[in-house]
């Protein structure tokens, strides 16, 4: 696109309500993910109780090993595709089918490395290796599945992606439940994950055609493949580093501890990821919108960054405080066999605010075309995580894996803050963050005093107390309070007819 045509495109595009777009995509994400997480959490509890700590540990090993190498099947080209479509929707015509073909070729390479590595470099049991081999089949389905999602992401239809995510998980849970009721082992959970992918891929294909978002006509240009791979490498570095951050601790534990210990760690980690839902929906929603805004109104990105950071702290900090205090009661949902997970969860839950922040910063960096900086940060985080796990896990086991996770994400958050402060300037307002910390600490005292009561009552009382403090204390600017009230009003007006019909 020439400079003149780009200027004309910018001038003729109708004025966009950035907050409304991000709110729509975030609310669909939160709504879909909350409903999904509630059902998924109940399902996970049933899976954990059915499999037991040892077999759940083996299942966690399969997911960790295959997830670690899955980045080879992508190399960041899908994130690059989504970003380019967000900036110029015509990019789908040039890149879509090349991305599909490239991903299929990379899936073949990733499968050989994943399975070959498990056979040659580990002493995993036959069931674990079979599970890993089955999981690699998803690499091939992702060759089409992921580019379709990039079209939806680039067109800011995160609401559709959220709905598809719910459908995908429901299919997986139904199939898994059938297999478990038939007495099959954890390998059949992998089979369930493979079977649902072609179904959801077909649904996504139907949706983008129905909404006239694509797919474009068949067209490939192999001469541009290397340039696409080079453009995706910064994103690949981020994905690889995140894969190491999320998976390497489980892999180290699998070599130095029993499968049961891996199961305890996996159960605690699953709980932590469940609490990560809200921020992830917001992170997914913000990328395509701010990528487009950065080309026309860069100041929008700066305002959203600093306002969002305060909300991240406001959400993540009380979760960490309350989760660590109530960890024993929370992990009891898995049963007495998983009581050792309480210590792991009490440590891992402090990772939530740091993961929320640097995940958000990664998307902000992509939006402002600073993915190279994000890649270097995530690579540093990944290397530090490997070093800490390599030195500490053999001596200190599960506690070391937990502390390594929290410390590396704290390190990543600090690096991102330094980079984005340089790019976007000051504006975080430390005094407001201190008031949020004071409110979370006061809530922690209330929860500690009520910790022996019913956990749901304790959480409700602590949550209401915290929200009242946040509202009364100078934690929010006046315009932020107004935005929250307006959002609550819009939600109420939309939900009121539903309740009246009920």
Protein backbone atom coordinates (compact mmCIF):
# COMPACT_ATOMS: atom_id res chain seq x y z
CA UNK A 1 0.00 0.00 0.00
CA UNK A 2 1.47 3.38 -1.01
CA UNK A 3 1.75 6.32 1.39
CA UNK A 4 -0.97 8.23 -0.47
CA UNK A 5 -3.39 5.31 -0.49
CA UNK A 6 -2.65 4.58 3.16
CA UNK A 7 -3.45 8.20 4.03
CA UNK A 8 -6.68 8.01 2.07
CA UNK A 9 -7.60 4.76 3.82
CA UNK A 10 -6.99 6.35 7.20
CA UNK A 11 -9.01 9.47 6.40
CA UNK A 12 -12.04 7.64 5.01
CA UNK A 13 -12.25 5.04 7.78
CA UNK A 14 -15.10 5.89 10.18
CA UNK A 15 -14.19 7.05 13.66
CA UNK A 16 -13.61 4.10 15.93
CA UNK A 17 -14.59 3.77 19.57
CA UNK A 18 -11.50 1.97 20.83
CA UNK A 19 -12.84 1.42 24.33
CA UNK A 20 -16.08 -0.07 23.01
CA UNK A 21 -14.26 -2.48 20.68
CA UNK A 22 -11.85 -3.65 23.40
CA UNK A 23 -14.71 -3.91 25.92
CA UNK A 24 -16.80 -6.00 23.50
CA UNK A 25 -14.00 -8.42 22.79
CA UNK A 26 -12.92 -8.54 26.43
CA UNK A 27 -16.45 -9.14 27.73
CA UNK A 28 -17.07 -11.90 25.21
CA UNK A 29 -13.74 -13.39 26.19
CA UNK A 30 -14.43 -13.10 29.89
CA UNK A 31 -17.99 -14.35 29.54
CA UNK A 32 -16.99 -17.28 27.40
CA UNK A 33 -13.89 -18.05 29.41
CA UNK A 34 -15.57 -17.74 32.80
CA UNK A 35 -18.33 -20.11 31.75
CA UNK A 36 -15.74 -22.36 30.21
CA UNK A 37 -13.42 -22.19 33.21
CA UNK A 38 -16.18 -23.05 35.67
CA UNK A 39 -17.14 -26.14 33.67
CA UNK A 40 -13.50 -26.90 32.86
CA UNK A 41 -12.50 -26.59 36.50
CA UNK A 42 -15.19 -29.05 37.56
CA UNK A 43 -14.10 -31.36 34.76
CA UNK A 44 -10.42 -31.04 35.76
CA UNK A 45 -11.29 -31.97 39.33
CA UNK A 46 -13.04 -35.09 38.05
CA UNK A 47 -10.09 -35.95 35.79
CA UNK A 48 -7.58 -35.47 38.59
CA UNK A 49 -9.61 -37.56 41.02
CA UNK A 50 -10.19 -40.28 38.41
CA UNK A 51 -6.59 -40.54 37.22
CA UNK A 52 -4.90 -40.04 40.59
CA UNK A 53 -1.65 -38.16 41.18
CA UNK A 54 0.60 -40.59 39.28
CA UNK A 55 -1.39 -40.85 36.05
CA UNK A 56 -2.28 -37.16 36.15
CA UNK A 57 1.44 -36.52 36.44
CA UNK A 58 2.04 -38.60 33.29
CA UNK A 59 -0.69 -36.66 31.49
CA UNK A 60 1.00 -33.40 32.56
CA UNK A 61 4.33 -34.66 31.20
CA UNK A 62 2.77 -35.35 27.78
CA UNK A 63 1.27 -31.85 27.62
CA UNK A 64 4.51 -30.24 28.78
CA UNK A 65 6.81 -32.10 26.36
CA UNK A 66 4.57 -31.75 23.30
CA UNK A 67 3.72 -28.15 24.19
CA UNK A 68 7.41 -27.29 24.44
CA UNK A 69 8.08 -28.26 20.82
CA UNK A 70 4.78 -27.09 19.34
CA UNK A 71 6.31 -23.67 18.66
CA UNK A 72 8.33 -25.30 15.85
CA UNK A 73 5.06 -25.87 14.02
CA UNK A 74 4.30 -22.15 14.07
CA UNK A 75 7.54 -20.11 14.29
CA UNK A 76 5.48 -17.02 15.06
CA UNK A 77 4.00 -16.67 11.58
CA UNK A 78 0.41 -16.74 12.83
CA UNK A 79 0.93 -13.82 15.18
CA UNK A 80 2.60 -11.98 12.33
CA UNK A 81 -0.39 -12.79 10.09
CA UNK A 82 -2.88 -11.52 12.70
CA UNK A 83 -0.92 -8.30 13.22
CA UNK A 84 -0.66 -7.62 9.49
CA UNK A 85 -4.39 -8.27 8.91
CA UNK A 86 -5.18 -5.90 11.80
CA UNK A 87 -3.09 -3.20 10.11
CA UNK A 88 -4.39 -3.92 6.58
CA UNK A 89 -7.17 -6.42 5.92
CA UNK A 90 -5.88 -7.03 2.38
CA UNK A 91 -2.88 -8.80 3.92
CA UNK A 92 -5.02 -11.94 4.22
CA UNK A 93 -5.13 -12.23 0.42
CA UNK A 94 -1.33 -12.23 0.23
CA UNK A 95 -0.42 -14.30 3.28
CA UNK A 96 -3.20 -16.73 4.25
CA UNK A 97 -2.52 -19.78 2.05
CA UNK A 98 1.25 -19.37 2.28
CA UNK A 99 0.86 -19.48 6.05
CA UNK A 100 -1.25 -22.65 5.83
CA UNK A 101 1.27 -24.46 3.63
CA UNK A 102 4.23 -23.27 5.72
CA UNK A 103 2.54 -24.45 8.91
CA UNK A 104 1.88 -27.89 7.42
CA UNK A 105 5.56 -28.26 6.48
CA UNK A 106 6.63 -27.04 9.93
CA UNK A 107 4.14 -29.45 11.57
CA UNK A 108 5.93 -32.37 9.92
CA UNK A 109 9.30 -31.14 11.20
CA UNK A 110 7.90 -30.48 14.69
CA UNK A 111 6.38 -33.98 14.89
CA UNK A 112 9.69 -35.68 14.05
CA UNK A 113 11.58 -33.60 16.64
CA UNK A 114 8.92 -34.01 19.34
CA UNK A 115 8.55 -37.79 19.08
CA UNK A 116 12.20 -38.45 18.25
CA UNK A 117 13.34 -36.39 21.23
CA UNK A 118 11.00 -38.24 23.58
CA UNK A 119 12.35 -41.61 22.40
CA UNK A 120 16.05 -40.75 22.22
CA UNK A 121 16.54 -38.22 25.03
CA UNK A 122 14.24 -39.43 27.81
CA UNK A 123 13.30 -42.58 29.68
CA UNK A 124 9.57 -41.90 29.51
CA UNK A 125 7.23 -44.87 29.69
CA UNK A 126 5.58 -46.32 26.57
CA UNK A 127 2.22 -44.73 27.46
CA UNK A 128 3.82 -41.28 27.71
CA UNK A 129 5.59 -41.66 24.36
CA UNK A 130 2.36 -42.87 22.72
CA UNK A 131 0.54 -39.86 24.20
CA UNK A 132 3.21 -37.51 22.84
CA UNK A 133 2.98 -39.09 19.37
CA UNK A 134 -0.81 -38.73 19.35
CA UNK A 135 -0.57 -35.11 20.49
CA UNK A 136 1.61 -34.23 17.47
CA UNK A 137 -1.40 -34.89 15.23
CA UNK A 138 -2.79 -31.59 16.50
CA UNK A 139 0.19 -29.83 14.87
CA UNK A 140 -1.23 -30.70 11.44
CA UNK A 141 -4.77 -29.59 12.24
CA UNK A 142 -3.35 -26.30 13.55
CA UNK A 143 -1.92 -25.64 10.07
CA UNK A 144 -5.42 -24.54 9.01
CA UNK A 145 -7.02 -23.87 12.40
CA UNK A 146 -4.53 -21.17 13.48
CA UNK A 147 -4.54 -19.10 10.24
CA UNK A 148 -8.34 -18.98 10.37
CA UNK A 149 -8.07 -17.67 13.93
CA UNK A 150 -5.58 -15.06 12.68
CA UNK A 151 -8.24 -13.80 10.24
CA UNK A 152 -10.73 -13.50 13.09
CA UNK A 153 -8.16 -11.84 15.36
CA UNK A 154 -7.05 -9.39 12.68
CA UNK A 155 -10.68 -8.42 12.10
CA UNK A 156 -11.17 -7.90 15.86
CA UNK A 157 -13.67 -10.77 16.16
CA UNK A 158 -12.39 -12.12 19.45
CA UNK A 159 -16.02 -12.73 20.37
CA UNK A 160 -16.21 -15.46 17.72
CA UNK A 161 -12.92 -16.97 18.90
CA UNK A 162 -14.25 -17.08 22.47
CA UNK A 163 -17.39 -18.91 21.36
CA UNK A 164 -15.31 -21.39 19.35
CA UNK A 165 -13.05 -21.94 22.35
CA UNK A 166 -16.07 -22.84 24.46
CA UNK A 167 -17.37 -25.24 21.80
CA UNK A 168 -13.95 -26.83 21.47
CA UNK A 169 -13.61 -27.41 25.19
CA UNK A 170 -17.14 -28.79 25.49
CA UNK A 171 -16.46 -31.35 22.75
CA UNK A 172 -13.18 -32.28 24.43
CA UNK A 173 -14.81 -32.69 27.83
CA UNK A 174 -17.67 -34.80 26.49
CA UNK A 175 -15.33 -37.14 24.63
CA UNK A 176 -12.93 -37.33 27.58
CA UNK A 177 -15.75 -38.10 30.00
CA UNK A 178 -16.93 -40.95 27.76
CA UNK A 179 -13.42 -42.41 27.58
CA UNK A 180 -12.85 -42.11 31.34
CA UNK A 181 -16.22 -43.70 32.13
CA UNK A 182 -15.20 -46.61 29.89
CA UNK A 183 -12.12 -47.06 32.07
CA UNK A 184 -9.54 -45.90 29.52
CA UNK A 185 -6.25 -44.32 30.67
CA UNK A 186 -4.89 -40.77 30.22
CA UNK A 187 -3.78 -41.44 26.62
CA UNK A 188 -7.42 -41.28 25.58
CA UNK A 189 -7.61 -37.70 26.85
CA UNK A 190 -5.07 -36.91 24.14
CA UNK A 191 -7.25 -38.74 21.60
CA UNK A 192 -10.22 -36.58 22.66
CA UNK A 193 -8.13 -33.45 22.08
CA UNK A 194 -7.22 -34.61 18.58
CA UNK A 195 -10.77 -35.59 17.59
CA UNK A 196 -12.35 -32.23 18.38
CA UNK A 197 -9.96 -30.16 16.21
CA UNK A 198 -11.36 -30.99 12.75
CA UNK A 199 -14.87 -30.30 14.02
CA UNK A 200 -14.04 -26.81 15.34
CA UNK A 201 -11.86 -26.05 12.30
CA UNK A 202 -14.86 -26.72 10.05
CA UNK A 203 -17.04 -24.47 12.22
CA UNK A 204 -14.52 -21.63 12.04
CA UNK A 205 -14.31 -22.03 8.27
CA UNK A 206 -18.10 -21.72 8.07
CA UNK A 207 -18.10 -18.59 10.28
CA UNK A 208 -15.51 -16.66 8.30
CA UNK A 209 -17.28 -17.49 5.04
CA UNK A 210 -20.66 -16.49 6.45
CA UNK A 211 -19.25 -13.17 7.71
CA UNK A 212 -17.42 -12.56 4.40
CA UNK A 213 -14.04 -12.44 6.13
CA UNK A 214 -12.47 -15.04 3.84
CA UNK A 215 -10.80 -17.29 3.18
CA UNK A 216 -9.17 -15.74 0.11
CA UNK A 217 -8.78 -17.64 -3.13
CA UNK A 218 -6.05 -20.26 -3.32
CA UNK A 219 -2.79 -18.49 -3.98
CA UNK A 220 0.72 -19.35 -2.82
CA UNK A 221 4.03 -17.68 -3.48
CA UNK A 222 6.93 -19.83 -2.24
CA UNK A 223 9.42 -17.05 -3.00
CA UNK A 224 8.07 -15.07 -0.03
CA UNK A 225 8.15 -17.93 2.48
CA UNK A 226 11.57 -17.04 3.87
CA UNK A 227 10.54 -13.43 4.38
CA UNK A 228 7.39 -14.58 6.22
CA UNK A 229 9.48 -16.86 8.45
CA UNK A 230 11.95 -14.03 9.15
CA UNK A 231 9.07 -11.70 10.03
CA UNK A 232 7.66 -14.33 12.39
CA UNK A 233 10.94 -15.07 14.18
CA UNK A 234 10.53 -12.38 16.87
CA UNK A 235 7.10 -13.82 17.66
CA UNK A 236 8.59 -17.32 17.58
CA UNK A 237 11.23 -16.27 20.10
CA UNK A 238 8.44 -15.05 22.37
CA UNK A 239 6.48 -18.29 21.93
CA UNK A 240 9.54 -20.43 22.53
CA UNK A 241 10.46 -18.52 25.66
CA UNK A 242 6.90 -18.75 26.97
CA UNK A 243 6.86 -22.47 26.21
CA UNK A 244 10.01 -22.90 28.26
CA UNK A 245 8.55 -20.74 31.02
CA UNK A 246 5.34 -22.79 31.17
CA UNK A 247 6.69 -26.28 30.41
CA UNK A 248 10.33 -26.63 31.42
CA UNK A 249 9.58 -26.88 35.15
CA UNK A 250 7.33 -29.89 34.56
CA UNK A 251 9.98 -31.53 32.36
CA UNK A 252 12.72 -31.02 34.98
CA UNK A 253 10.44 -32.36 37.72
CA UNK A 254 9.67 -35.43 35.59
CA UNK A 255 13.39 -36.30 35.52
CA UNK A 256 14.18 -35.72 39.20
CA UNK A 257 10.95 -36.58 41.03
CA UNK A 258 8.17 -39.14 40.82
CA UNK A 259 5.12 -38.93 38.55
CA UNK A 260 3.04 -38.25 41.67
CA UNK A 261 5.04 -35.10 42.48
CA UNK A 262 4.58 -33.95 38.89
CA UNK A 263 0.86 -34.54 39.38
CA UNK A 264 0.83 -32.35 42.52
CA UNK A 265 2.63 -29.59 40.67
CA UNK A 266 0.38 -29.93 37.62
CA UNK A 267 -2.74 -29.70 39.78
CA UNK A 268 -1.50 -26.50 41.46
CA UNK A 269 -0.50 -25.02 38.12
CA UNK A 270 -3.92 -25.79 36.62
CA UNK A 271 -5.54 -23.83 39.45
CA UNK A 272 -3.23 -20.90 38.79
CA UNK A 273 -4.07 -20.89 35.09
CA UNK A 274 -7.77 -20.98 35.92
CA UNK A 275 -7.40 -17.69 37.82
CA UNK A 276 -5.54 -16.19 34.86
CA UNK A 277 -8.70 -16.10 32.70
CA UNK A 278 -9.81 -12.47 32.96
CA UNK A 279 -6.48 -10.94 32.02
CA UNK A 280 -5.98 -13.32 29.13
CA UNK A 281 -9.30 -12.30 27.59
CA UNK A 282 -8.30 -8.64 27.85
CA UNK A 283 -4.83 -9.34 26.41
CA UNK A 284 -6.31 -11.13 23.41
CA UNK A 285 -8.81 -8.32 22.83
CA UNK A 286 -6.34 -5.47 22.98
CA UNK A 287 -3.78 -6.63 20.40
CA UNK A 288 -5.61 -6.14 17.06
CA UNK A 289 -7.36 -2.94 18.17
CA UNK A 290 -4.27 -1.15 19.44
CA UNK A 291 -2.20 -2.39 16.49
CA UNK A 292 -4.64 -0.54 14.24
CA UNK A 293 -4.82 2.49 16.52
CA UNK A 294 -1.03 2.80 16.61
CA UNK A 295 -1.01 3.58 12.88
CA UNK A 296 -3.44 6.48 13.30
CA UNK A 297 -3.37 7.66 16.91
CA UNK A 298 -0.33 6.45 18.91
CA UNK A 299 -1.36 8.43 22.00
CA UNK A 300 -4.29 6.01 22.44
CA UNK A 301 -1.85 3.18 23.10
CA UNK A 302 -0.08 5.14 25.85
CA UNK A 303 -3.33 5.96 27.66
CA UNK A 304 -4.57 2.39 27.48
CA UNK A 305 -1.24 1.02 28.68
CA UNK A 306 -1.07 2.94 31.94
CA UNK A 307 -4.77 2.63 32.75
CA UNK A 308 -4.62 -1.11 32.03
CA UNK A 309 -1.57 -1.66 34.24
CA UNK A 310 -3.43 -0.25 37.24
CA UNK A 311 -6.40 -2.54 36.56
CA UNK A 312 -4.03 -5.51 36.20
CA UNK A 313 -2.57 -4.79 39.64
CA UNK A 314 -6.08 -4.25 40.99
CA UNK A 315 -7.14 -7.71 39.79
CA UNK A 316 -3.96 -9.75 40.20
CA UNK A 317 -2.78 -8.62 43.63
CA UNK A 318 -5.88 -9.62 45.66
CA UNK A 319 -5.98 -12.98 43.84
CA UNK A 320 -2.38 -13.61 44.94
CA UNK A 321 -3.01 -12.52 48.53
CA UNK A 322 -6.25 -14.45 48.98
CA UNK A 323 -5.07 -17.51 47.06
CA UNK A 324 -1.93 -17.93 49.16
CA UNK A 325 -3.86 -17.66 52.43
CA UNK A 326 -6.61 -20.06 51.36
CA UNK A 327 -4.40 -22.46 49.37
CA UNK A 328 -5.07 -25.47 51.57
CA UNK A 329 -8.83 -25.15 51.29
CA UNK A 330 -8.67 -24.50 47.55
CA UNK A 331 -6.60 -27.58 46.63
CA UNK A 332 -8.82 -29.82 48.76
CA UNK A 333 -11.22 -29.91 45.81
CA UNK A 334 -8.81 -32.45 44.32
CA UNK A 335 -9.02 -34.70 47.37
CA UNK A 336 -6.67 -35.62 50.21
CA UNK A 337 -4.11 -37.21 47.87
CA UNK A 338 -3.36 -33.77 46.42
CA UNK A 339 -2.94 -31.94 49.73
CA UNK A 340 0.83 -31.47 49.02
CA UNK A 341 -0.29 -29.21 46.14
CA UNK A 342 -1.29 -26.56 48.71
CA UNK A 343 2.27 -25.38 49.25
CA UNK A 344 2.90 -25.28 45.50
CA UNK A 345 -0.29 -23.29 44.88
CA UNK A 346 0.48 -20.83 47.72
CA UNK A 347 3.72 -19.97 45.89
CA UNK A 348 2.49 -20.17 42.28
CA UNK A 349 -0.52 -17.93 42.85
CA UNK A 350 1.91 -15.01 43.30
CA UNK A 351 2.88 -15.53 39.68
CA UNK A 352 -0.53 -14.30 38.51
CA UNK A 353 0.06 -10.51 38.71
CA UNK A 354 3.46 -10.85 37.03
CA UNK A 355 2.14 -13.09 34.24
CA UNK A 356 -0.83 -10.78 33.75
CA UNK A 357 1.49 -7.81 33.40
CA UNK A 358 4.13 -9.20 31.09
CA UNK A 359 1.58 -11.03 28.92
CA UNK A 360 -0.19 -7.70 28.48
CA UNK A 361 3.13 -5.97 27.77
CA UNK A 362 3.96 -8.56 25.13
CA UNK A 363 0.79 -7.67 23.24
CA UNK A 364 1.40 -3.93 23.70
CA UNK A 365 4.90 -4.40 22.28
CA UNK A 366 3.45 -6.20 19.25
CA UNK A 367 0.87 -3.44 18.80
CA UNK A 368 3.55 -0.73 18.63
CA UNK A 369 5.86 -2.89 16.46
CA UNK A 370 8.41 -3.49 19.21
CA UNK A 371 8.15 -7.28 19.10
CA UNK A 372 11.94 -7.46 18.85
CA UNK A 373 12.23 -5.99 22.35
CA UNK A 374 9.58 -8.41 23.61
CA UNK A 375 11.45 -11.32 22.04
CA UNK A 376 14.69 -10.39 23.79
CA UNK A 377 12.89 -10.07 27.13
CA UNK A 378 11.11 -13.40 26.81
CA UNK A 379 14.32 -15.10 25.74
CA UNK A 380 16.02 -13.72 28.85
CA UNK A 381 13.13 -14.98 30.98
CA UNK A 382 13.26 -18.41 29.35
CA UNK A 383 17.02 -18.74 29.87
CA UNK A 384 16.75 -17.66 33.51
CA UNK A 385 13.94 -20.17 34.07
CA UNK A 386 16.03 -23.02 32.63
CA UNK A 387 19.02 -22.05 34.78
CA UNK A 388 16.99 -21.82 38.00
CA UNK A 389 15.22 -25.12 37.36
CA UNK A 390 18.44 -26.89 36.37
CA UNK A 391 20.24 -25.84 39.56
CA UNK A 392 17.40 -25.90 42.09
CA UNK A 393 14.95 -28.68 41.12
CA UNK A 394 17.43 -31.56 41.62
CA UNK A 395 18.02 -30.38 45.20
CA UNK A 396 14.73 -28.84 46.29
CA UNK A 397 12.11 -30.43 44.02
CA UNK A 398 8.62 -29.00 43.67
CA UNK A 399 9.20 -25.89 45.82
CA UNK A 400 12.15 -24.92 43.61
CA UNK A 401 10.03 -25.23 40.45
CA UNK A 402 7.40 -22.94 41.99
CA UNK A 403 9.88 -20.27 43.09
CA UNK A 404 11.68 -20.43 39.73
CA UNK A 405 8.39 -19.70 37.96
CA UNK A 406 7.55 -16.70 40.14
CA UNK A 407 11.06 -15.21 40.11
CA UNK A 408 11.46 -15.46 36.34
CA UNK A 409 8.10 -13.80 35.70
CA UNK A 410 8.98 -11.05 38.19
CA UNK A 411 12.21 -10.54 36.26
CA UNK A 412 10.28 -10.37 32.96
CA UNK A 413 7.81 -7.86 34.38
CA UNK A 414 10.65 -5.59 35.51
CA UNK A 415 12.28 -5.72 32.07
CA UNK A 416 9.01 -4.91 30.31
CA UNK A 417 8.36 -1.97 32.62
CA UNK A 418 11.78 -0.50 31.82
CA UNK A 419 11.32 -0.91 28.05
CA UNK A 420 7.77 0.46 27.87
CA UNK A 421 8.54 3.37 30.17
CA UNK A 422 11.25 4.35 27.72
CA UNK A 423 8.90 3.95 24.74
CA UNK A 424 5.71 5.43 26.21
CA UNK A 425 7.02 7.74 28.93
CA UNK A 426 5.99 7.97 32.61
CA UNK A 427 2.38 7.83 33.75
CA UNK A 428 1.91 4.81 36.03
CA UNK A 429 1.10 6.89 39.14
CA UNK A 430 2.86 4.92 41.87
CA UNK A 431 0.72 6.43 44.64
CA UNK A 432 -2.41 4.77 43.21
CA UNK A 433 -0.63 1.40 43.10
CA UNK A 434 0.36 1.79 46.75
CA UNK A 435 -3.27 2.38 47.70
CA UNK A 436 -4.25 -0.77 45.78
CA UNK A 437 -1.57 -2.68 47.72
CA UNK A 438 -2.95 -1.33 51.00
CA UNK A 439 -6.47 -2.46 50.05
CA UNK A 440 -5.20 -5.95 49.15
CA UNK A 441 -3.27 -6.20 52.44
CA UNK A 442 -6.35 -5.20 54.45
CA UNK A 443 -8.40 -7.79 52.55
CA UNK A 444 -5.71 -10.37 53.37
CA UNK A 445 -6.15 -9.68 57.10
CA UNK A 446 -9.91 -10.25 56.83
CA UNK A 447 -9.45 -13.49 54.88
CA UNK A 448 -6.82 -14.74 57.34
CA UNK A 449 -9.19 -14.17 60.27
CA UNK A 450 -12.00 -16.00 58.43
CA UNK A 451 -9.85 -18.77 56.91
CA UNK A 452 -11.45 -21.55 58.99
CA UNK A 453 -14.97 -20.71 57.81
CA UNK A 454 -16.62 -21.84 54.57
CA UNK A 455 -14.23 -20.90 51.77
CA UNK A 456 -16.94 -19.45 49.53
CA UNK A 457 -18.26 -17.23 52.31
CA UNK A 458 -14.73 -16.14 53.15
CA UNK A 459 -13.94 -15.26 49.53
CA UNK A 460 -17.21 -13.37 49.15
CA UNK A 461 -16.67 -11.30 52.29
CA UNK A 462 -13.04 -10.61 51.43
CA UNK A 463 -13.93 -9.67 47.85
CA UNK A 464 -16.69 -7.24 48.84
CA UNK A 465 -14.45 -5.66 51.48
CA UNK A 466 -11.66 -5.22 48.92
CA UNK A 467 -13.94 -3.68 46.29
CA UNK A 468 -15.32 -1.20 48.82
CA UNK A 469 -11.81 -0.17 49.82
CA UNK A 470 -10.73 0.20 46.19
CA UNK A 471 -13.72 2.41 45.49
CA UNK A 472 -13.28 4.58 48.59
CA UNK A 473 -9.50 4.95 48.44
CA UNK A 474 -7.80 7.12 45.76
CA UNK A 475 -6.94 4.14 43.55
CA UNK A 476 -8.78 5.35 40.43
CA UNK A 477 -8.86 8.59 38.51
CA UNK A 478 -12.26 10.21 38.08
CA UNK A 479 -12.47 9.35 34.36
CA UNK A 480 -11.68 5.70 35.19
CA UNK A 481 -14.49 5.64 37.75
CA UNK A 482 -16.85 7.10 35.15
CA UNK A 483 -15.82 4.48 32.59
CA UNK A 484 -16.46 1.67 35.07
CA UNK A 485 -19.87 3.06 35.98
CA UNK A 486 -20.80 3.41 32.31
CA UNK A 487 -19.63 -0.14 31.61
CA UNK A 488 -21.65 -1.47 34.55
CA UNK A 489 -24.67 0.45 33.28
CA UNK A 490 -24.36 -1.01 29.78
CA UNK A 491 -23.98 -4.51 31.19
CA UNK A 492 -27.03 -4.03 33.39
CA UNK A 493 -29.15 -2.77 30.50
CA UNK A 494 -28.19 -5.80 28.41
CA UNK A 495 -28.72 -8.35 31.16
CA UNK A 496 -31.99 -6.89 32.48
CA UNK A 497 -34.17 -8.24 29.62
CA UNK A 498 -32.65 -11.70 30.12
CA UNK A 499 -33.64 -11.75 33.79
CA UNK A 500 -37.07 -10.27 33.06
CA UNK A 501 -37.74 -12.98 30.48
CA UNK A 502 -36.60 -15.55 33.02
